[in-house]
N, C-alpha and C. Protein backbone atom coordinates (compact mmCIF):
# COMPACT_ATOMS: atom_id res chain seq x y z
N UNK A 1 3.68 -9.87 -1.23
CA UNK A 1 3.42 -8.84 -2.21
C UNK A 1 2.06 -8.50 -2.35
N UNK A 2 1.71 -7.54 -1.36
CA UNK A 2 -0.19 -7.79 -1.41
C UNK A 2 -0.61 -7.47 -2.68
N UNK A 3 -1.41 -7.93 -3.31
CA UNK A 3 -2.11 -8.51 -4.87
C UNK A 3 -3.01 -5.92 -4.75
N UNK A 4 -2.88 -5.74 -5.22
CA UNK A 4 -3.91 -4.37 -5.42
C UNK A 4 -5.40 -5.43 -5.67
N UNK A 5 -6.45 -4.91 -5.26
CA UNK A 5 -7.65 -4.70 -5.39
C UNK A 5 -7.97 -3.95 -6.56
N UNK A 6 -8.96 -4.84 -7.79
CA UNK A 6 -8.65 -3.97 -8.98
C UNK A 6 -10.73 -3.23 -8.42
N UNK A 7 -10.69 -2.16 -8.44
CA UNK A 7 -12.90 -1.49 -8.29
C UNK A 7 -12.63 -1.33 -9.39
N UNK A 8 -13.59 -1.71 -10.42
CA UNK A 8 -14.46 -1.52 -11.48
C UNK A 8 -16.04 -0.69 -11.47
N UNK A 9 -16.40 0.29 -11.69
CA UNK A 9 -17.76 1.19 -11.28
C UNK A 9 -17.95 1.52 -13.06
N UNK A 10 -18.96 0.83 -13.31
CA UNK A 10 -20.11 1.52 -14.19
C UNK A 10 -20.97 2.05 -13.57
N UNK A 11 -21.64 3.34 -14.16
CA UNK A 11 -22.73 3.70 -14.04
C UNK A 11 -23.68 3.91 -15.47
N UNK A 12 -25.62 3.67 -15.66
CA UNK A 12 -25.88 3.43 -16.35
C UNK A 12 -27.43 4.23 -15.61
N UNK A 13 -26.81 4.54 -14.84
CA UNK A 13 -28.01 6.49 -15.52
C UNK A 13 -27.56 7.81 -14.92
N UNK A 14 -28.93 8.09 -14.48
CA UNK A 14 -27.78 9.48 -15.32
C UNK A 14 -27.97 10.91 -13.48
N UNK A 15 -28.33 10.36 -12.72
CA UNK A 15 -28.22 10.30 -11.52
C UNK A 15 -26.74 10.52 -10.93
N UNK A 16 -25.53 11.47 -11.30
CA UNK A 16 -23.94 11.80 -10.67
C UNK A 16 -23.76 11.28 -9.70
N UNK A 17 -22.92 9.73 -9.12
CA UNK A 17 -22.82 9.40 -7.94
C UNK A 17 -21.22 9.44 -7.96
N UNK A 18 -20.42 9.38 -6.36
CA UNK A 18 -18.77 9.89 -6.63
C UNK A 18 -18.37 8.36 -6.18
N UNK A 19 -17.47 8.41 -7.06
CA UNK A 19 -17.25 6.52 -7.74
C UNK A 19 -15.87 7.13 -6.26
N UNK A 20 -15.51 8.09 -5.36
CA UNK A 20 -14.50 6.97 -4.74
C UNK A 20 -15.83 6.97 -3.04
N UNK A 21 -17.07 7.65 -3.16
CA UNK A 21 -17.92 7.34 -1.78
C UNK A 21 -17.95 6.09 -1.78
N UNK A 22 -18.81 5.58 -3.13
CA UNK A 22 -18.39 3.95 -3.90
C UNK A 22 -17.24 2.50 -3.59
N UNK A 23 -16.26 3.37 -4.26
CA UNK A 23 -15.44 2.95 -3.27
C UNK A 23 -14.35 2.63 -2.55
N UNK A 24 -15.19 3.18 -1.22
CA UNK A 24 -13.69 3.44 -0.26
C UNK A 24 -15.59 2.16 1.16
N UNK A 25 -17.05 2.09 0.12
CA UNK A 25 -17.32 1.12 0.57
C UNK A 25 -16.47 -0.06 0.51
N UNK A 26 -16.84 -0.36 -0.71
CA UNK A 26 -16.16 -1.33 -1.21
C UNK A 26 -15.27 -1.85 -0.84
N UNK A 27 -14.10 -0.54 -0.75
CA UNK A 27 -13.23 -0.87 0.18
C UNK A 27 -13.05 -1.33 1.60
N UNK A 28 -14.42 -1.08 2.65
CA UNK A 28 -13.98 -1.09 4.64
C UNK A 28 -14.46 -3.06 4.09
N UNK A 29 -14.82 -3.56 2.83
CA UNK A 29 -15.71 -5.19 2.70
C UNK A 29 -14.75 -6.52 2.83
N UNK A 30 -13.51 -5.16 2.28
CA UNK A 30 -12.80 -6.06 1.55
C UNK A 30 -11.79 -6.83 1.81
N UNK A 31 -11.49 -5.39 2.49
CA UNK A 31 -10.22 -5.58 4.01
C UNK A 31 -10.74 -6.30 4.80
N UNK A 32 -11.67 -5.50 5.42
CA UNK A 32 -12.04 -6.23 7.04
C UNK A 32 -12.64 -7.71 7.17
N UNK A 33 -12.26 -8.67 5.13
CA UNK A 33 -12.29 -10.29 5.02
C UNK A 33 -11.81 -10.41 4.98
N UNK A 34 -10.54 -9.67 3.88
CA UNK A 34 -8.78 -9.73 3.73
C UNK A 34 -9.19 -10.64 2.86
N UNK A 35 -10.50 -9.96 1.73
CA UNK A 35 -10.44 -10.93 0.55
C UNK A 35 -10.29 -10.17 -0.96
N UNK A 36 -8.94 -10.81 -1.70
CA UNK A 36 -8.43 -10.39 -2.48
C UNK A 36 -9.01 -10.56 -4.21
N UNK A 37 -9.33 -10.05 -4.90
CA UNK A 37 -9.31 -10.04 -6.20
C UNK A 37 -10.22 -8.38 -7.06
N UNK A 38 -10.11 -8.73 -8.21
CA UNK A 38 -10.96 -7.63 -8.75
C UNK A 38 -12.20 -8.10 -8.22
N UNK A 39 -13.37 -6.53 -9.22
CA UNK A 39 -15.41 -6.48 -7.78
C UNK A 39 -15.83 -5.36 -9.21
N UNK A 40 -16.19 -5.30 -9.23
CA UNK A 40 -16.91 -4.45 -10.12
C UNK A 40 -18.89 -4.34 -10.25
N UNK A 41 -19.67 -2.91 -10.17
CA UNK A 41 -20.15 -2.79 -9.68
C UNK A 41 -20.49 -1.53 -10.99
N UNK A 42 -22.25 -2.50 -11.21
CA UNK A 42 -22.88 -1.56 -12.40
C UNK A 42 -24.17 -0.37 -11.29
N UNK A 43 -24.55 0.08 -11.76
CA UNK A 43 -25.57 1.57 -11.24
C UNK A 43 -26.72 0.89 -12.20
N UNK A 44 -27.01 0.67 -12.52
CA UNK A 44 -28.60 0.04 -13.36
C UNK A 44 -29.93 1.43 -13.06
N UNK A 45 -30.90 0.96 -13.53
CA UNK A 45 -32.07 1.42 -13.76
C UNK A 45 -32.88 0.32 -13.17
N UNK A 46 -34.63 0.68 -13.25
CA UNK A 46 -35.51 -0.55 -13.09
C UNK A 46 -35.52 -1.29 -14.05
N UNK A 47 -36.05 -1.09 -15.14
CA UNK A 47 -35.45 -1.73 -16.02
C UNK A 47 -34.85 -2.97 -16.43
N UNK A 48 -34.02 -2.01 -16.61
CA UNK A 48 -32.96 -3.11 -16.83
C UNK A 48 -32.31 -4.04 -15.23
N UNK A 49 -32.68 -4.00 -14.18
CA UNK A 49 -32.70 -4.70 -12.82
C UNK A 49 -34.00 -5.59 -13.23
N UNK A 50 -35.23 -5.11 -13.55
CA UNK A 50 -35.93 -5.51 -13.71
C UNK A 50 -35.85 -7.75 -14.85
N UNK A 51 -35.38 -7.09 -15.33
CA UNK A 51 -35.08 -8.16 -16.63
C UNK A 51 -34.00 -8.74 -16.21
N UNK A 52 -33.18 -8.45 -15.29
CA UNK A 52 -31.33 -8.98 -15.10
C UNK A 52 -31.96 -10.50 -13.72
N UNK A 53 -32.43 -9.51 -13.34
CA UNK A 53 -33.65 -10.86 -11.62
C UNK A 53 -34.89 -10.98 -12.10
N UNK A 54 -35.75 -11.11 -13.83
CA UNK A 54 -36.62 -12.08 -14.08
C UNK A 54 -35.51 -13.80 -14.79
N UNK A 55 -34.09 -13.20 -15.26
CA UNK A 55 -33.12 -14.00 -16.10
C UNK A 55 -32.57 -15.16 -15.50
N UNK A 56 -31.89 -14.09 -14.06
CA UNK A 56 -31.36 -15.05 -13.44
C UNK A 56 -32.07 -15.16 -12.03
N UNK A 57 -32.70 -15.02 -11.73
CA UNK A 57 -33.39 -15.36 -10.52
C UNK A 57 -34.99 -15.37 -10.44
N UNK A 58 -35.50 -15.52 -12.20
CA UNK A 58 -36.97 -15.86 -12.39
C UNK A 58 -37.70 -14.99 -11.32
N UNK A 59 -37.72 -14.56 -11.03
CA UNK A 59 -39.04 -12.95 -10.39
C UNK A 59 -38.51 -12.36 -11.16
N UNK A 60 -40.07 -11.50 -11.53
CA UNK A 60 -40.49 -10.83 -12.40
C UNK A 60 -40.47 -9.22 -11.50
N UNK A 61 -39.49 -8.30 -11.41
CA UNK A 61 -39.71 -7.88 -9.89
C UNK A 61 -38.26 -6.91 -10.17
N UNK A 62 -38.43 -5.50 -9.58
CA UNK A 62 -37.63 -4.70 -9.63
C UNK A 62 -36.88 -5.67 -8.81
N UNK A 63 -35.55 -5.69 -7.52
CA UNK A 63 -34.49 -6.17 -6.50
C UNK A 63 -34.12 -4.94 -6.52
N UNK A 64 -32.57 -3.95 -5.19
CA UNK A 64 -32.32 -3.44 -5.51
C UNK A 64 -30.33 -4.08 -5.53
N UNK A 65 -30.32 -5.02 -5.80
CA UNK A 65 -30.13 -5.57 -5.74
C UNK A 65 -29.65 -7.24 -5.88
N UNK A 66 -28.24 -7.37 -7.04
CA UNK A 66 -28.35 -8.72 -7.38
C UNK A 66 -26.36 -8.82 -7.71
N UNK A 67 -26.17 -9.51 -7.46
CA UNK A 67 -24.37 -10.07 -7.01
C UNK A 67 -23.81 -11.39 -7.79
N UNK A 68 -23.50 -11.86 -8.69
CA UNK A 68 -22.95 -12.34 -8.98
C UNK A 68 -21.84 -13.41 -9.76
N UNK A 69 -21.05 -13.92 -7.99
CA UNK A 69 -19.87 -13.68 -8.30
C UNK A 69 -19.05 -14.75 -9.34
N UNK A 70 -17.68 -13.87 -8.95
CA UNK A 70 -16.95 -14.73 -10.40
C UNK A 70 -17.47 -15.57 -11.27
N UNK A 71 -16.62 -16.57 -9.90
CA UNK A 71 -16.81 -18.28 -10.70
C UNK A 71 -18.39 -18.21 -11.92
N UNK A 72 -19.88 -17.55 -11.00
CA UNK A 72 -20.87 -17.65 -11.90
C UNK A 72 -20.96 -16.92 -13.10
N UNK A 73 -20.42 -16.22 -13.52
CA UNK A 73 -20.62 -14.93 -14.22
C UNK A 73 -19.97 -15.60 -15.45
N UNK A 74 -20.17 -16.13 -16.71
CA UNK A 74 -19.89 -16.13 -18.19
C UNK A 74 -19.14 -15.63 -18.69
N UNK A 75 -19.25 -14.38 -18.52
CA UNK A 75 -18.28 -13.08 -19.81
C UNK A 75 -17.51 -12.91 -17.98
N UNK A 76 -17.04 -13.59 -17.33
CA UNK A 76 -16.53 -13.09 -16.50
C UNK A 76 -15.13 -14.64 -15.98
N UNK A 77 -16.20 -15.59 -15.57
CA UNK A 77 -14.84 -16.61 -15.98
C UNK A 77 -14.58 -17.31 -16.81
N UNK A 78 -15.29 -16.83 -18.18
CA UNK A 78 -14.48 -17.38 -19.48
C UNK A 78 -12.14 -16.02 -19.48
N UNK A 79 -12.73 -15.02 -19.06
CA UNK A 79 -11.97 -14.51 -18.35
C UNK A 79 -10.33 -14.65 -17.66
N UNK A 80 -11.25 -15.60 -16.73
CA UNK A 80 -10.95 -15.58 -15.33
C UNK A 80 -10.12 -16.89 -15.53
N UNK A 81 -10.36 -18.07 -16.01
CA UNK A 81 -9.48 -19.12 -17.04
C UNK A 81 -8.92 -18.99 -17.44
N UNK A 82 -8.28 -18.09 -18.25
CA UNK A 82 -7.90 -17.89 -19.72
C UNK A 82 -6.88 -16.44 -18.85
N UNK A 83 -6.62 -16.30 -17.62
CA UNK A 83 -5.86 -14.77 -17.56
C UNK A 83 -5.13 -15.73 -15.22
N UNK A 84 -6.35 -16.54 -15.30
CA UNK A 84 -5.39 -17.32 -14.50
C UNK A 84 -5.57 -16.37 -12.36
N UNK A 85 -6.70 -15.30 -13.41
CA UNK A 85 -6.61 -13.86 -12.08
C UNK A 85 -8.32 -14.55 -11.22
N UNK A 86 -8.27 -13.89 -9.96
CA UNK A 86 -9.39 -14.13 -8.87
C UNK A 86 -10.06 -12.47 -9.29
N UNK A 87 -11.73 -12.83 -9.82
CA UNK A 87 -12.94 -11.93 -9.61
C UNK A 87 -13.63 -12.59 -8.63
N UNK A 88 -13.02 -10.86 -7.87
CA UNK A 88 -14.89 -11.57 -6.85
C UNK A 88 -16.21 -11.96 -6.91
N UNK A 89 -16.40 -10.83 -8.99
CA UNK A 89 -17.59 -10.87 -8.79
C UNK A 89 -18.53 -9.92 -9.26
N UNK A 90 -19.74 -9.44 -9.91
CA UNK A 90 -20.58 -8.46 -10.12
C UNK A 90 -21.29 -8.09 -8.35
N UNK A 91 -21.89 -6.73 -8.73
CA UNK A 91 -22.62 -6.08 -7.94
C UNK A 91 -23.45 -5.39 -8.96
N UNK A 92 -25.00 -5.49 -9.05
CA UNK A 92 -26.29 -4.56 -9.96
C UNK A 92 -26.10 -4.27 -8.70
N UNK A 93 -26.36 -2.76 -8.94
CA UNK A 93 -27.47 -2.06 -7.88
C UNK A 93 -28.11 -1.01 -8.06
N UNK A 94 -29.89 -1.11 -8.13
CA UNK A 94 -30.49 0.14 -8.85
C UNK A 94 -31.43 1.13 -7.70
N UNK A 95 -30.16 1.83 -7.87
CA UNK A 95 -30.93 3.28 -7.50
C UNK A 95 -31.95 3.81 -6.80
N UNK A 96 -32.90 3.92 -8.34
CA UNK A 96 -33.59 4.30 -8.00
C UNK A 96 -35.44 3.58 -6.85
N UNK A 97 -34.56 1.87 -7.32
CA UNK A 97 -34.51 1.28 -5.64
C UNK A 97 -34.53 1.35 -4.58
N UNK A 98 -33.16 1.70 -4.43
CA UNK A 98 -32.19 2.06 -3.03
C UNK A 98 -32.61 3.26 -2.93
N UNK A 99 -33.00 4.57 -3.26
CA UNK A 99 -33.77 5.94 -3.14
C UNK A 99 -35.16 4.99 -2.25
N UNK A 100 -35.54 4.33 -2.84
CA UNK A 100 -37.51 3.79 -2.90
C UNK A 100 -37.20 3.26 -1.38
N UNK A 101 -36.32 2.87 -0.79
CA UNK A 101 -35.72 1.62 0.56
C UNK A 101 -34.92 2.75 0.84
N UNK A 102 -34.48 3.80 1.12
CA UNK A 102 -33.87 5.24 1.67
C UNK A 102 -35.27 5.08 2.01
N UNK A 103 -36.50 5.67 1.86
CA UNK A 103 -37.71 7.03 1.79
C UNK A 103 -38.46 5.67 2.57
N UNK A 104 -38.49 4.40 1.81
CA UNK A 104 -39.43 3.47 3.11
C UNK A 104 -38.46 3.50 4.82
N UNK A 105 -38.13 3.50 4.36
CA UNK A 105 -36.83 3.55 6.51
C UNK A 105 -36.55 4.39 6.63
N UNK A 106 -36.34 5.71 6.55
CA UNK A 106 -36.60 6.89 6.53
C UNK A 106 -35.12 7.00 6.98
N UNK A 107 -34.00 6.96 5.88
CA UNK A 107 -32.81 6.80 6.23
C UNK A 107 -31.87 8.15 4.93
N UNK A 108 -30.90 8.51 4.93
CA UNK A 108 -30.91 9.57 3.93
C UNK A 108 -29.52 8.40 2.19
N UNK A 109 -29.82 8.25 1.35
CA UNK A 109 -29.82 7.59 0.53
C UNK A 109 -27.77 7.59 1.02
N UNK A 110 -27.27 8.09 1.77
CA UNK A 110 -26.04 7.81 2.01
C UNK A 110 -25.96 6.53 2.55
N UNK A 111 -26.50 6.56 4.10
CA UNK A 111 -26.45 5.33 4.18
C UNK A 111 -27.30 3.62 3.36
N UNK A 112 -27.93 4.59 2.78
CA UNK A 112 -29.00 3.31 3.15
C UNK A 112 -27.78 2.47 1.23
N UNK A 113 -27.31 3.52 0.69
CA UNK A 113 -26.53 2.86 -0.93
C UNK A 113 -25.37 1.61 -0.36
N UNK A 114 -24.91 3.00 0.84
CA UNK A 114 -23.38 1.30 1.49
C UNK A 114 -24.35 0.31 1.98
N UNK A 115 -24.92 0.73 2.72
CA UNK A 115 -25.04 -0.68 3.08
C UNK A 115 -25.95 -1.79 2.42
N UNK A 116 -27.07 -1.44 1.38
CA UNK A 116 -26.93 -2.28 -0.34
C UNK A 116 -26.18 -3.15 -0.64
N UNK A 117 -25.26 -1.81 -1.39
CA UNK A 117 -23.98 -2.17 -1.33
C UNK A 117 -22.53 -3.53 -0.18
N UNK A 118 -22.50 -3.09 -0.18
CA UNK A 118 -22.08 -4.44 1.52
C UNK A 118 -23.20 -5.37 1.52
N UNK A 119 -24.41 -5.94 1.03
CA UNK A 119 -25.11 -5.97 1.47
C UNK A 119 -24.59 -7.16 0.19
N UNK A 120 -24.30 -6.89 -1.38
CA UNK A 120 -24.09 -7.25 -1.88
C UNK A 120 -22.54 -7.88 -1.98
N UNK A 121 -21.51 -7.99 -2.16
CA UNK A 121 -20.09 -7.39 -1.37
C UNK A 121 -20.11 -9.15 -0.52
N UNK A 122 -20.68 -8.37 0.35
CA UNK A 122 -21.07 -9.70 1.42
C UNK A 122 -21.42 -11.07 0.31
N UNK A 123 -22.66 -11.02 0.22
CA UNK A 123 -23.03 -11.86 -1.12
C UNK A 123 -22.14 -13.13 -1.77
N UNK A 124 -20.86 -11.78 -2.92
CA UNK A 124 -19.55 -12.95 -2.94
C UNK A 124 -18.64 -12.87 -2.57
N UNK A 125 -19.07 -12.99 -2.00
CA UNK A 125 -18.01 -13.81 -0.57
C UNK A 125 -17.60 -14.19 0.02
N UNK A 126 -19.65 -15.47 0.21
CA UNK A 126 -19.33 -16.56 0.54
C UNK A 126 -21.03 -16.32 1.30
N UNK A 127 -20.96 -14.55 1.63
CA UNK A 127 -22.15 -15.42 2.60
C UNK A 127 -23.59 -15.54 1.85
N UNK A 128 -24.80 -16.27 2.81
CA UNK A 128 -26.04 -16.33 2.47
C UNK A 128 -26.77 -16.28 3.18
N UNK A 129 -28.43 -15.05 3.13
CA UNK A 129 -29.40 -15.22 4.10
C UNK A 129 -30.13 -15.95 3.56
N UNK A 130 -30.21 -16.75 2.40
CA UNK A 130 -30.74 -17.51 1.67
C UNK A 130 -31.41 -19.18 2.05
N UNK A 131 -29.96 -19.36 3.14
CA UNK A 131 -30.01 -21.06 2.96
C UNK A 131 -29.93 -21.13 4.35
N UNK A 132 -30.11 -20.50 5.93
CA UNK A 132 -30.53 -20.99 7.10
C UNK A 132 -30.54 -19.17 7.81
N UNK A 133 -31.22 -19.11 9.39
CA UNK A 133 -31.32 -18.52 10.48
C UNK A 133 -29.85 -17.67 10.67
N UNK A 134 -29.28 -18.78 11.46
CA UNK A 134 -28.36 -19.01 11.23
C UNK A 134 -27.41 -17.98 10.49
N UNK A 135 -27.13 -18.55 9.00
CA UNK A 135 -25.90 -17.74 7.80
C UNK A 135 -26.83 -15.75 7.77
N UNK A 136 -27.70 -16.45 8.25
CA UNK A 136 -28.74 -14.74 8.07
C UNK A 136 -28.24 -13.80 8.63
N UNK A 137 -28.07 -14.30 9.85
CA UNK A 137 -28.65 -13.43 11.49
C UNK A 137 -26.81 -12.90 11.44
N UNK A 138 -25.93 -13.84 10.43
CA UNK A 138 -24.11 -13.55 10.40
C UNK A 138 -24.07 -12.68 9.54
N UNK A 139 -24.46 -13.03 8.58
CA UNK A 139 -24.88 -11.70 7.46
C UNK A 139 -25.02 -10.38 7.48
N UNK A 140 -26.12 -9.89 8.56
CA UNK A 140 -27.12 -9.13 8.55
C UNK A 140 -26.33 -8.01 9.92
N UNK A 141 -24.60 -9.31 10.46
CA UNK A 141 -24.63 -8.10 11.78
C UNK A 141 -22.84 -7.93 11.02
N UNK A 142 -22.99 -9.08 9.93
CA UNK A 142 -21.24 -8.51 8.89
C UNK A 142 -21.75 -7.19 8.65
N UNK A 143 -23.24 -6.96 7.82
CA UNK A 143 -23.59 -5.87 7.64
C UNK A 143 -23.95 -4.80 7.78
N UNK A 144 -23.81 -4.84 9.83
CA UNK A 144 -23.39 -3.73 9.91
C UNK A 144 -22.88 -3.54 10.86
N UNK A 145 -22.15 -4.48 11.00
CA UNK A 145 -20.25 -4.04 11.36
C UNK A 145 -19.90 -3.24 10.15
N UNK A 146 -19.69 -3.86 8.55
CA UNK A 146 -19.37 -2.80 7.74
C UNK A 146 -19.62 -1.68 7.31
N UNK A 147 -21.21 -1.30 8.09
CA UNK A 147 -21.77 0.06 8.04
C UNK A 147 -21.88 0.69 8.80
N UNK A 148 -21.09 0.50 9.76
CA UNK A 148 -20.33 1.27 10.64
C UNK A 148 -19.10 1.95 10.39
N UNK A 149 -18.59 0.39 10.18
CA UNK A 149 -16.89 1.06 9.91
C UNK A 149 -17.28 1.90 9.20
N UNK A 150 -17.71 1.91 7.11
CA UNK A 150 -18.22 3.09 6.52
C UNK A 150 -18.44 4.31 6.83
N UNK A 151 -19.24 4.44 7.83
CA UNK A 151 -19.67 5.76 8.60
C UNK A 151 -18.93 6.62 9.01
N UNK A 152 -17.71 5.76 9.86
CA UNK A 152 -16.65 6.30 10.40
C UNK A 152 -15.00 6.54 8.76
N UNK A 153 -15.67 6.16 7.92
CA UNK A 153 -14.10 5.72 7.05
C UNK A 153 -14.67 7.02 5.66
N UNK A 154 -16.36 7.47 5.84
CA UNK A 154 -16.77 7.81 4.57
C UNK A 154 -16.56 9.10 4.72
N UNK A 155 -16.90 9.70 6.53
CA UNK A 155 -17.63 10.48 6.95
C UNK A 155 -16.76 11.92 6.40
N UNK A 156 -17.72 12.72 5.39
CA UNK A 156 -17.13 13.66 5.14
C UNK A 156 -17.57 13.66 3.36
N UNK A 157 -17.12 11.92 2.33
CA UNK A 157 -17.32 11.92 1.62
C UNK A 157 -18.55 12.04 1.24
N UNK A 158 -18.50 12.76 0.27
CA UNK A 158 -19.85 13.37 -0.95
C UNK A 158 -20.62 11.75 -1.63
N UNK A 159 -21.77 11.78 -1.40
CA UNK A 159 -22.04 10.68 -2.14
C UNK A 159 -23.28 11.39 -3.97
N UNK A 160 -23.04 12.97 -4.28
CA UNK A 160 -23.49 13.08 -5.62
C UNK A 160 -22.08 14.00 -5.79
N UNK A 161 -21.78 13.89 -7.13
CA UNK A 161 -20.94 14.40 -7.50
C UNK A 161 -21.04 16.37 -7.90
N UNK A 162 -21.76 16.33 -7.69
CA UNK A 162 -22.58 17.68 -8.53
C UNK A 162 -24.06 17.82 -7.03
N UNK A 163 -23.56 19.23 -7.52
CA UNK A 163 -25.41 19.04 -6.71
C UNK A 163 -26.67 18.92 -7.43
N UNK A 164 -26.93 18.33 -8.53
CA UNK A 164 -27.64 18.27 -8.92
C UNK A 164 -28.43 16.57 -8.56
N UNK A 165 -29.41 16.46 -7.14
CA UNK A 165 -29.23 14.82 -7.10
C UNK A 165 -30.60 14.01 -7.92
N UNK A 166 -30.56 15.35 -9.18
CA UNK A 166 -31.97 14.11 -9.55
C UNK A 166 -33.13 12.93 -9.05
């Protein structure tokens, strides 16, 4: 019997994002990789992201995405050991930084947000673009594959819950 994937999403920004849109992107990667387990996604503002990046990566700047594999997250690791469950971990995205990236790259937010989310999930699964050029190419290829896959399955889904895009 196949275990269900639990996807928990928390939006700590004022922008109303469709959770269905985000879940489809997550599911595209987890299905493709055959990954099982729970995953948390948190959308944050630049202040919180900068603090997290400084605390966990010693980089005093805002970044678009941080990934914390379940085995490395203190607040997740203890509950995993107690319950014997598999938790893939947590992806934290700075929505404002993703919006800036989209503008800089000349792509719609509906394309950039899934790409950043996919990047974060691939880190949870074990991909690492910082270890070698070969691994970076492998991860980039997977990002492109899942971004294309999501564009097909996510077509027609609305990114924003309402017309107020902020």
